[in-house]
Amino acid sequence: MKKTALALLLCLLLSLLAGCGSPFVASYYHETDYSQPAPQQDTQEKGEMVTVKNAAELKSELLALVYAGVEESSIAFDPAYEGDSRGDLDAFCGTMHRDDALWAYCVQNARYEISHIVTHDEADIHIEYAPSALPVDEVMKLNYAVGLDRILRTAMEDDSRRLVILIGNSSYSADSMVALVSRVYRSDPSCSVTEPSADVYMYSGSGRQRLYDIELNYGLDAEELQRRRAELSVFDSNSLLGEDRSDGMRALDLARYFVDNCVLSGLSSRSTAWDALIGGKANSEGLALAYVQLCRQQNISCQIVYGQYQWREHCWNIISIDGQHYHVDLAACIRDGIGKGFLLNDESMWAEYRWDTSSYDICAGPLDYWVLTGEEREPVMLIPAETEEPAETEAPEESPEPSGEPTEEPTEEPTEPPEETEAPEETPAPTEEKPEP
């Protein structure tokens, strides 16, 4: 009787524990950020063979070999391996390039040799890496695309020609990465002697995993890059300043330097700060980039504007003085006089300039060149309406005086004399005949 009661009690307890109201039943969800597979040497002792129990562990181990740059290794399959060891190996070696960006970038071929050892299988793995790929340990690996601008700026500062970046979660396309290279340089032209052109090759993995193989071309060899960088590094903006140390006057002193020492060029090749500061001849972009560099040396907020002047591509600057923003067009300063291009507001620019106003600060400060310097403003010459010259009218035709010679209608003057107007050959003069005796 006691045994029956005890059995009933146990059944009751088991039913409670298995029911929906059991305090031990729960649902758990955990999500982790992308992280690269652990290198092989971090997950096993040197010479120790890794044993895998299922396809997921096999895939993870193969990736770990590639991320560690291993060329040859061995993998043991657990006697109770869940799946087909040979079939799984064959599938992963043939399709991993579609699942992982690093594998697609650097693995040229992956093969295996599998053997059955008493109770389990063992595979010898051989991985061949593409000769054109950088070594795996030189590939930068990021979880997210945060800090890319800093990485690119550092690469330009080092005159790097190539960098490869693997990002676990990225929305950048190859074209947007090219645009980022340009944007980084233009935001801080001091990071490079010249703006590099970028060729970007992108490899995709599962999800949003991306690998970018970025090649930078500066158009100059390494020796010339170093020489120009050294010349720019010793350029001292303090030597250009007068006694007045206010931000406005320092910005004016810097602008005057370009007016006095730089020639405005229309060549697209003269577009760097070095061209303006050292070469002495630059186009509007070179002038604007050089002005950014000098202003930042003086802790004056300055940015470059890419827009249009008279419907042609043109660059100038926006600077901040006492919390107000102003346009500075050094090309106009050189061409038309410093008062025509220094400390301009938006309203004065609308007639001839075009730019993306949503990308730049509003320029509406109270200063201009004459207010800043206290010089007498140049008078504006206005022609009254009544003094305007009348429209030209055709003069009445005069009746020609009669003459014995016929008149010819005027014809357009030919640029070259026609053949028929060439002088005729000379003929011998007639000789006088003597009278016969």
Protein backbone atom coordinates (compact mmCIF):
# COMPACT_ATOMS: atom_id res chain seq x y z
CA MET A 1 0.00 0.00 0.00
CA LYS A 2 2.80 2.36 0.90
CA LYS A 3 4.58 1.52 -2.36
CA THR A 4 1.41 2.34 -4.34
CA ALA A 5 1.00 5.68 -2.56
CA LEU A 6 4.65 6.53 -3.13
CA ALA A 7 4.34 5.71 -6.84
CA LEU A 8 1.27 7.91 -7.19
CA LEU A 9 3.09 10.77 -5.43
CA LEU A 10 6.05 10.47 -7.79
CA CYS A 11 3.79 10.48 -10.84
CA LEU A 12 2.07 13.63 -9.56
CA LEU A 13 5.37 15.40 -9.05
CA LEU A 14 6.62 14.43 -12.52
CA SER A 15 3.45 15.69 -14.14
CA LEU A 16 3.81 19.05 -12.39
CA LEU A 17 7.41 19.41 -13.44
CA ALA A 18 6.60 18.58 -17.08
CA GLY A 19 3.61 20.92 -17.26
CA CYS A 20 3.50 24.41 -18.70
CA GLY A 21 3.48 25.94 -15.26
CA SER A 22 6.73 24.32 -14.22
CA PRO A 23 9.21 26.90 -12.76
CA PHE A 24 12.06 25.16 -14.63
CA VAL A 25 10.66 25.75 -18.15
CA ALA A 26 12.01 28.93 -19.86
CA SER A 27 12.94 30.32 -23.28
CA TYR A 28 16.35 31.97 -23.79
CA TYR A 29 17.66 34.08 -26.71
CA HIS A 30 21.19 35.37 -27.06
CA GLU A 31 22.67 37.37 -29.96
CA THR A 32 26.37 38.10 -30.35
CA ASP A 33 28.31 40.49 -32.61
CA TYR A 34 30.35 39.21 -35.50
CA SER A 35 33.80 38.05 -34.54
CA GLN A 36 36.40 36.30 -36.62
CA PRO A 37 37.05 32.61 -35.91
CA ALA A 38 39.73 32.06 -33.32
CA PRO A 39 43.13 31.28 -34.84
CA GLN A 40 44.11 27.67 -34.62
CA GLN A 41 47.03 28.25 -32.28
CA ASP A 42 44.70 29.89 -29.76
CA THR A 43 42.31 26.92 -29.63
CA GLN A 44 44.74 24.05 -29.41
CA GLU A 45 48.21 23.19 -28.32
CA LYS A 46 50.84 23.08 -31.03
CA GLY A 47 50.72 19.73 -32.80
CA GLU A 48 47.40 18.75 -31.22
CA MET A 49 44.73 17.56 -33.62
CA VAL A 50 41.30 19.14 -33.37
CA THR A 51 38.28 16.82 -33.16
CA VAL A 52 34.97 17.96 -34.60
CA LYS A 53 31.55 16.49 -33.82
CA ASN A 54 29.34 17.98 -36.53
CA ALA A 55 29.29 20.10 -39.70
CA ALA A 56 29.12 23.40 -37.79
CA GLU A 57 32.32 22.61 -35.88
CA LEU A 58 34.00 21.45 -39.09
CA LYS A 59 33.15 24.72 -40.85
CA SER A 60 34.38 26.76 -37.90
CA GLU A 61 37.68 24.89 -37.83
CA LEU A 62 38.27 25.33 -41.56
CA LEU A 63 37.67 29.07 -41.21
CA ALA A 64 40.00 29.20 -38.22
CA LEU A 65 42.77 27.68 -40.34
CA VAL A 66 42.34 30.36 -43.02
CA TYR A 67 42.10 33.23 -40.52
CA ALA A 68 45.36 32.00 -38.99
CA GLY A 69 47.01 31.66 -42.39
CA VAL A 70 47.66 27.94 -41.93
CA GLU A 71 48.62 26.02 -45.06
CA GLU A 72 48.51 22.44 -43.76
CA SER A 73 46.69 20.87 -40.81
CA SER A 74 44.74 17.79 -39.73
CA ILE A 75 41.20 17.41 -38.43
CA ALA A 76 39.81 14.36 -36.61
CA PHE A 77 36.14 13.43 -36.81
CA ASP A 78 34.49 12.17 -33.63
CA PRO A 79 33.43 8.50 -33.84
CA ALA A 80 29.88 9.73 -33.31
CA TYR A 81 30.21 12.51 -35.94
CA GLU A 82 26.78 13.79 -36.94
CA GLY A 83 26.85 13.69 -40.70
CA ASP A 84 28.96 12.59 -43.61
CA SER A 85 32.57 13.62 -42.98
CA ARG A 86 33.70 13.28 -46.59
CA GLY A 87 30.57 14.92 -48.00
CA ASP A 88 30.76 17.84 -45.56
CA LEU A 89 34.44 18.42 -46.33
CA ASP A 90 33.78 18.37 -50.04
CA ALA A 91 30.91 20.82 -49.71
CA PHE A 92 32.80 23.31 -47.52
CA CYS A 93 35.95 23.30 -49.63
CA GLY A 94 33.88 23.99 -52.72
CA THR A 95 31.42 26.60 -51.41
CA MET A 96 33.17 28.47 -48.58
CA HIS A 97 34.12 31.32 -50.93
CA ARG A 98 30.43 32.20 -51.08
CA ASP A 99 30.04 32.26 -47.31
CA ASP A 100 33.17 34.09 -46.14
CA ALA A 101 34.76 37.19 -47.66
CA LEU A 102 38.29 36.48 -46.42
CA TRP A 103 38.17 32.98 -47.86
CA ALA A 104 36.95 34.39 -51.20
CA TYR A 105 39.78 36.94 -51.16
CA CYS A 106 42.80 34.86 -50.31
CA VAL A 107 42.11 31.12 -50.80
CA GLN A 108 43.02 29.90 -54.26
CA ASN A 109 42.44 26.23 -53.60
CA ALA A 110 41.52 23.97 -50.66
CA ARG A 111 41.86 20.19 -50.83
CA TYR A 112 41.88 17.29 -48.39
CA GLU A 113 42.90 13.66 -47.99
CA ILE A 114 40.69 11.62 -45.67
CA SER A 115 41.54 8.31 -43.99
CA HIS A 116 39.63 5.97 -41.72
CA ILE A 117 41.52 5.22 -38.49
CA VAL A 118 39.90 2.23 -36.71
CA THR A 119 36.94 4.04 -35.17
CA HIS A 120 36.99 7.47 -36.79
CA ASP A 121 38.04 9.51 -39.82
CA GLU A 122 40.97 11.89 -40.08
CA ALA A 123 41.53 14.50 -42.80
CA ASP A 124 44.75 16.20 -43.90
CA ILE A 125 43.87 19.73 -45.07
CA HIS A 126 45.96 21.62 -47.67
CA ILE A 127 45.19 25.32 -48.33
CA GLU A 128 46.75 27.28 -51.20
CA TYR A 129 46.64 31.08 -50.91
CA ALA A 130 46.39 33.43 -53.89
CA PRO A 131 49.76 35.05 -54.72
CA SER A 132 48.06 38.40 -55.30
CA ALA A 133 46.51 38.48 -51.82
CA LEU A 134 48.15 40.13 -48.83
CA PRO A 135 49.22 37.79 -46.04
CA VAL A 136 46.29 37.14 -43.70
CA ASP A 137 48.03 38.77 -40.74
CA GLU A 138 48.21 42.06 -42.71
CA VAL A 139 44.44 42.17 -43.29
CA MET A 140 42.74 44.63 -40.93
CA LYS A 141 39.71 43.07 -39.26
CA LEU A 142 36.82 45.13 -37.88
CA ASN A 143 33.44 44.18 -36.50
CA TYR A 144 31.79 47.36 -37.83
CA ALA A 145 32.68 50.15 -40.26
CA VAL A 146 33.37 52.54 -37.38
CA GLY A 147 36.66 54.40 -37.65
CA LEU A 148 37.21 53.81 -41.36
CA ASP A 149 38.02 57.48 -41.95
CA ARG A 150 40.76 57.31 -39.31
CA ILE A 151 42.22 54.17 -40.90
CA LEU A 152 42.25 55.74 -44.38
CA ARG A 153 43.79 58.97 -43.08
CA THR A 154 46.59 57.03 -41.39
CA ALA A 155 47.21 55.12 -44.62
CA MET A 156 47.57 58.39 -46.56
CA GLU A 157 49.87 59.84 -43.91
CA ASP A 158 52.11 56.80 -44.35
CA ASP A 159 51.91 57.03 -48.17
CA SER A 160 50.51 53.50 -48.17
CA ARG A 161 49.74 52.09 -51.58
CA ARG A 162 47.45 49.24 -50.53
CA LEU A 163 45.35 48.18 -47.59
CA VAL A 164 42.87 45.35 -47.12
CA ILE A 165 40.02 45.70 -44.60
CA LEU A 166 37.62 42.94 -43.52
CA ILE A 167 34.43 44.23 -41.88
CA GLY A 168 31.88 41.93 -40.28
CA ASN A 169 28.96 44.33 -40.76
CA SER A 170 29.28 46.95 -43.48
CA SER A 171 26.95 48.73 -45.89
CA TYR A 172 29.72 50.31 -47.99
CA SER A 173 29.79 49.44 -51.66
CA ALA A 174 33.00 49.62 -53.69
CA ASP A 175 31.94 53.01 -55.10
CA SER A 176 31.09 54.45 -51.70
CA MET A 177 34.50 53.34 -50.42
CA VAL A 178 36.14 55.25 -53.30
CA ALA A 179 34.09 58.31 -52.35
CA LEU A 180 35.15 57.92 -48.71
CA VAL A 181 38.83 58.03 -49.69
CA SER A 182 38.25 61.33 -51.51
CA ARG A 183 36.19 62.74 -48.64
CA VAL A 184 38.85 61.90 -46.05
CA TYR A 185 41.56 63.66 -48.06
CA ARG A 186 39.49 66.76 -48.74
CA SER A 187 38.49 67.10 -45.10
CA ASP A 188 42.18 67.12 -44.08
CA PRO A 189 44.51 67.78 -47.03
CA SER A 190 47.54 67.73 -44.75
CA CYS A 191 47.25 63.93 -44.54
CA SER A 192 48.65 63.52 -48.06
CA VAL A 193 50.76 65.46 -50.53
CA THR A 194 48.16 64.87 -53.22
CA GLU A 195 44.71 63.31 -53.44
CA PRO A 196 45.16 59.63 -54.27
CA SER A 197 42.92 57.90 -56.76
CA ALA A 198 41.43 54.70 -55.34
CA ASP A 199 40.66 51.35 -56.93
CA VAL A 200 38.50 49.19 -54.67
CA TYR A 201 37.75 45.48 -55.10
CA MET A 202 35.03 44.18 -52.82
CA TYR A 203 34.40 40.59 -51.68
CA SER A 204 31.15 39.63 -49.96
CA GLY A 205 30.45 36.97 -47.36
CA SER A 206 27.26 35.90 -45.65
CA GLY A 207 25.07 38.65 -44.25
CA ARG A 208 26.76 42.05 -44.43
CA GLN A 209 30.34 40.80 -44.20
CA ARG A 210 32.56 42.66 -46.67
CA LEU A 211 36.25 42.70 -47.53
CA TYR A 212 37.75 45.72 -49.34
CA ASP A 213 41.03 45.52 -51.24
CA ILE A 214 41.98 49.20 -51.64
CA GLU A 215 44.78 50.37 -53.94
CA LEU A 216 45.89 54.03 -53.65
CA ASN A 217 47.65 55.79 -56.51
CA TYR A 218 49.29 59.15 -55.74
CA GLY A 219 50.65 59.79 -59.23
CA LEU A 220 54.15 60.28 -57.75
CA ASP A 221 56.87 57.86 -56.78
CA ALA A 222 57.81 57.30 -53.14
CA GLU A 223 60.88 59.55 -53.29
CA GLU A 224 58.96 62.50 -54.73
CA LEU A 225 56.16 62.04 -52.19
CA GLN A 226 58.65 62.18 -49.33
CA ARG A 227 60.38 65.23 -50.75
CA ARG A 228 57.15 67.19 -51.13
CA ARG A 229 55.93 66.11 -47.71
CA ALA A 230 59.18 67.36 -46.16
CA GLU A 231 58.82 70.73 -47.93
CA LEU A 232 55.27 71.15 -46.68
CA SER A 233 56.17 70.14 -43.13
CA VAL A 234 58.64 73.01 -42.74
CA PHE A 235 56.28 75.65 -44.14
CA ASP A 236 55.65 77.99 -41.19
CA SER A 237 52.40 79.95 -41.32
CA ASN A 238 53.50 82.08 -38.33
CA SER A 239 56.04 83.84 -40.57
CA LEU A 240 53.16 85.21 -42.65
CA LEU A 241 51.38 87.02 -39.83
CA GLY A 242 51.40 90.68 -38.93
CA GLU A 243 51.18 92.23 -35.48
CA ASP A 244 47.39 91.99 -35.13
CA ARG A 245 46.71 88.50 -33.74
CA SER A 246 42.90 88.46 -34.06
CA ASP A 247 41.41 85.56 -36.02
CA GLY A 248 40.10 87.86 -38.73
CA MET A 249 43.42 89.59 -39.35
CA ARG A 250 45.37 86.34 -39.24
CA ALA A 251 43.00 84.88 -41.82
CA LEU A 252 43.56 88.01 -43.93
CA ASP A 253 47.36 87.76 -43.61
CA LEU A 254 47.23 84.19 -44.85
CA ALA A 255 45.05 85.20 -47.81
CA ARG A 256 47.44 88.05 -48.68
CA TYR A 257 50.30 85.58 -48.89
CA PHE A 258 48.62 83.79 -51.80
CA VAL A 259 47.76 87.06 -53.53
CA ASP A 260 51.42 88.12 -53.38
CA ASN A 261 53.11 84.77 -54.01
CA CYS A 262 50.86 82.51 -56.07
CA VAL A 263 49.75 82.60 -59.70
CA LEU A 264 46.24 81.43 -60.56
CA SER A 265 46.37 78.47 -62.94
CA GLY A 266 43.67 76.87 -65.04
CA LEU A 267 45.39 73.49 -65.19
CA SER A 268 43.60 70.62 -63.47
CA SER A 269 46.96 69.07 -62.56
CA ARG A 270 47.85 71.99 -60.26
CA SER A 271 45.31 71.07 -57.61
CA THR A 272 47.31 70.43 -54.42
CA ALA A 273 48.41 72.44 -51.43
CA TRP A 274 52.02 71.82 -52.49
CA ASP A 275 51.33 73.52 -55.85
CA ALA A 276 50.06 76.63 -54.07
CA LEU A 277 52.56 76.83 -51.21
CA ILE A 278 55.76 75.53 -52.81
CA GLY A 279 55.18 75.51 -56.56
CA GLY A 280 53.71 79.02 -56.56
CA LYS A 281 51.05 78.20 -59.16
CA ALA A 282 47.70 76.48 -58.46
CA ASN A 283 44.09 76.30 -59.55
CA SER A 284 41.17 77.09 -57.25
CA GLU A 285 41.25 73.64 -55.60
CA GLY A 286 44.97 73.85 -54.84
CA LEU A 287 44.50 77.32 -53.34
CA ALA A 288 41.56 76.23 -51.22
CA LEU A 289 43.34 73.12 -49.92
CA ALA A 290 46.43 75.14 -49.02
CA TYR A 291 44.30 77.73 -47.21
CA VAL A 292 42.66 74.96 -45.18
CA GLN A 293 46.09 73.72 -44.15
CA LEU A 294 47.39 77.14 -43.08
CA CYS A 295 44.18 78.14 -41.27
CA ARG A 296 44.18 74.94 -39.24
CA GLN A 297 47.77 75.60 -38.24
CA GLN A 298 46.42 78.84 -36.74
CA ASN A 299 43.41 77.11 -35.13
CA ILE A 300 41.04 78.94 -37.47
CA SER A 301 38.06 76.83 -38.50
CA CYS A 302 38.22 76.36 -42.27
CA GLN A 303 36.69 73.99 -44.80
CA ILE A 304 36.82 73.62 -48.56
CA VAL A 305 33.73 74.13 -50.72
CA TYR A 306 33.31 72.23 -53.97
CA GLY A 307 30.89 74.17 -56.16
CA GLN A 308 30.69 76.24 -59.33
CA TYR A 309 31.66 79.72 -60.42
CA GLN A 310 29.96 80.98 -63.56
CA TRP A 311 28.76 77.41 -64.12
CA ARG A 312 32.26 75.95 -64.05
CA GLU A 313 33.74 73.68 -61.38
CA HIS A 314 35.33 75.84 -58.70
CA CYS A 315 36.62 75.61 -55.14
CA TRP A 316 36.80 78.12 -52.32
CA ASN A 317 36.69 78.17 -48.50
CA ILE A 318 34.35 78.89 -45.61
CA ILE A 319 36.00 80.14 -42.43
CA SER A 320 34.64 80.93 -38.98
CA ILE A 321 35.44 84.24 -37.27
CA ASP A 322 33.96 84.91 -33.82
CA GLY A 323 31.26 82.32 -34.37
CA GLN A 324 30.20 83.71 -37.77
CA HIS A 325 30.90 82.07 -41.12
CA TYR A 326 32.25 83.72 -44.27
CA HIS A 327 33.27 82.73 -47.79
CA VAL A 328 36.88 83.23 -48.91
CA ASP A 329 37.65 82.75 -52.61
CA LEU A 330 41.41 83.05 -53.05
CA ALA A 331 41.09 82.74 -56.82
CA ALA A 332 38.90 85.87 -56.83
CA CYS A 333 41.34 87.61 -54.47
CA ILE A 334 44.20 86.99 -56.91
CA ARG A 335 42.17 87.80 -60.02
CA ASP A 336 40.06 90.77 -58.91
CA GLY A 337 41.65 92.08 -55.73
CA ILE A 338 41.49 90.82 -52.16
CA GLY A 339 38.42 92.86 -51.29
CA LYS A 340 36.42 91.00 -53.95
CA GLY A 341 37.06 87.54 -52.53
CA PHE A 342 37.60 87.86 -48.77
CA LEU A 343 34.87 87.60 -46.10
CA LEU A 344 31.85 87.32 -48.38
CA ASN A 345 28.34 86.37 -47.27
CA ASP A 346 25.88 84.09 -49.03
CA GLU A 347 23.89 86.96 -50.52
CA SER A 348 26.91 88.42 -52.28
CA MET A 349 27.73 85.03 -53.79
CA TRP A 350 24.38 84.10 -55.32
CA ALA A 351 24.86 85.91 -58.60
CA GLU A 352 27.84 83.87 -59.85
CA TYR A 353 28.43 80.97 -57.43
CA ARG A 354 26.58 77.69 -56.92
CA TRP A 355 27.08 75.16 -54.10
CA ASP A 356 25.19 72.60 -52.02
CA THR A 357 23.93 74.88 -49.27
CA SER A 358 22.69 71.94 -47.18
CA SER A 359 26.26 70.68 -46.75
CA TYR A 360 27.84 73.92 -45.54
CA ASP A 361 27.26 76.55 -42.86
CA ILE A 362 25.20 79.65 -43.58
CA CYS A 363 27.46 82.65 -44.14
CA ALA A 364 25.75 85.79 -42.88
CA GLY A 365 28.35 87.50 -40.67
CA PRO A 366 28.62 91.31 -40.43
CA LEU A 367 32.26 91.55 -41.54
CA ASP A 368 33.80 92.12 -44.92
CA TYR A 369 37.27 93.19 -46.00
CA TRP A 370 36.66 96.93 -45.46
CA VAL A 371 34.92 96.55 -42.09
CA LEU A 372 37.72 94.28 -40.86
CA THR A 373 40.58 96.52 -42.00
CA GLY A 374 38.93 99.93 -41.58
CA GLU A 375 40.01 100.90 -45.08
CA GLU A 376 37.88 103.19 -47.19
CA ARG A 377 35.45 101.17 -49.22
CA GLU A 378 35.98 101.23 -52.94
CA PRO A 379 33.27 103.31 -54.64
CA VAL A 380 30.79 101.47 -56.76
CA MET A 381 30.53 103.03 -60.19
CA LEU A 382 26.92 103.18 -61.38
CA ILE A 383 26.04 104.56 -64.81
CA PRO A 384 22.80 106.63 -64.72
CA ALA A 385 20.18 105.58 -67.18
CA GLU A 386 20.22 108.92 -69.01
CA THR A 387 23.95 108.76 -69.66
CA GLU A 388 23.89 105.36 -71.25
CA GLU A 389 25.19 105.36 -74.76
CA PRO A 390 22.43 105.22 -77.37
CA ALA A 391 22.12 102.17 -79.47
CA GLU A 392 24.20 102.28 -82.58
CA THR A 393 22.31 103.18 -85.77
CA GLU A 394 23.39 102.67 -89.30
CA ALA A 395 24.72 105.84 -90.94
CA PRO A 396 22.75 107.06 -94.02
CA GLU A 397 24.32 106.06 -97.27
CA GLU A 398 26.08 108.89 -99.09
CA SER A 399 25.49 109.20 -102.78
CA PRO A 400 28.78 108.54 -104.53
CA GLU A 401 30.25 111.26 -106.67
CA PRO A 402 30.07 110.51 -110.40
CA SER A 403 33.31 109.39 -111.88
CA GLY A 404 34.50 108.02 -115.09
CA GLU A 405 35.38 104.67 -113.52
CA PRO A 406 32.72 102.09 -112.70
CA THR A 407 32.23 101.36 -109.00
CA GLU A 408 32.57 97.86 -107.59
CA GLU A 409 30.52 96.41 -104.78
CA PRO A 410 32.56 95.82 -101.58
CA THR A 411 33.55 92.23 -100.98
CA GLU A 412 34.88 90.46 -97.88
CA GLU A 413 38.61 90.73 -97.61
CA PRO A 414 40.05 87.30 -98.23
CA THR A 415 42.50 85.92 -95.71
CA GLU A 416 44.74 84.80 -98.50
CA PRO A 417 44.85 86.32 -101.99
CA PRO A 418 43.05 84.11 -104.49
CA GLU A 419 44.97 82.64 -107.31
CA GLU A 420 43.28 84.79 -109.89
CA THR A 421 44.55 88.01 -108.30
CA GLU A 422 48.17 87.09 -108.62
CA ALA A 423 50.19 89.60 -110.72
CA PRO A 424 50.49 88.58 -114.42
CA GLU A 425 53.84 87.79 -115.84
CA GLU A 426 55.71 90.78 -117.22
CA THR A 427 55.72 91.20 -121.03
CA PRO A 428 58.59 92.82 -122.90
CA ALA A 429 58.11 96.49 -123.77
CA PRO A 430 57.40 97.18 -127.49
CA THR A 431 60.38 98.46 -129.50
CA GLU A 432 60.12 101.54 -131.65
CA GLU A 433 60.08 100.84 -135.36
CA LYS A 434 62.57 102.83 -137.46
CA PRO A 435 61.17 104.47 -140.61
CA GLU A 436 62.39 103.02 -143.81
CA PRO A 437 64.71 105.24 -145.77
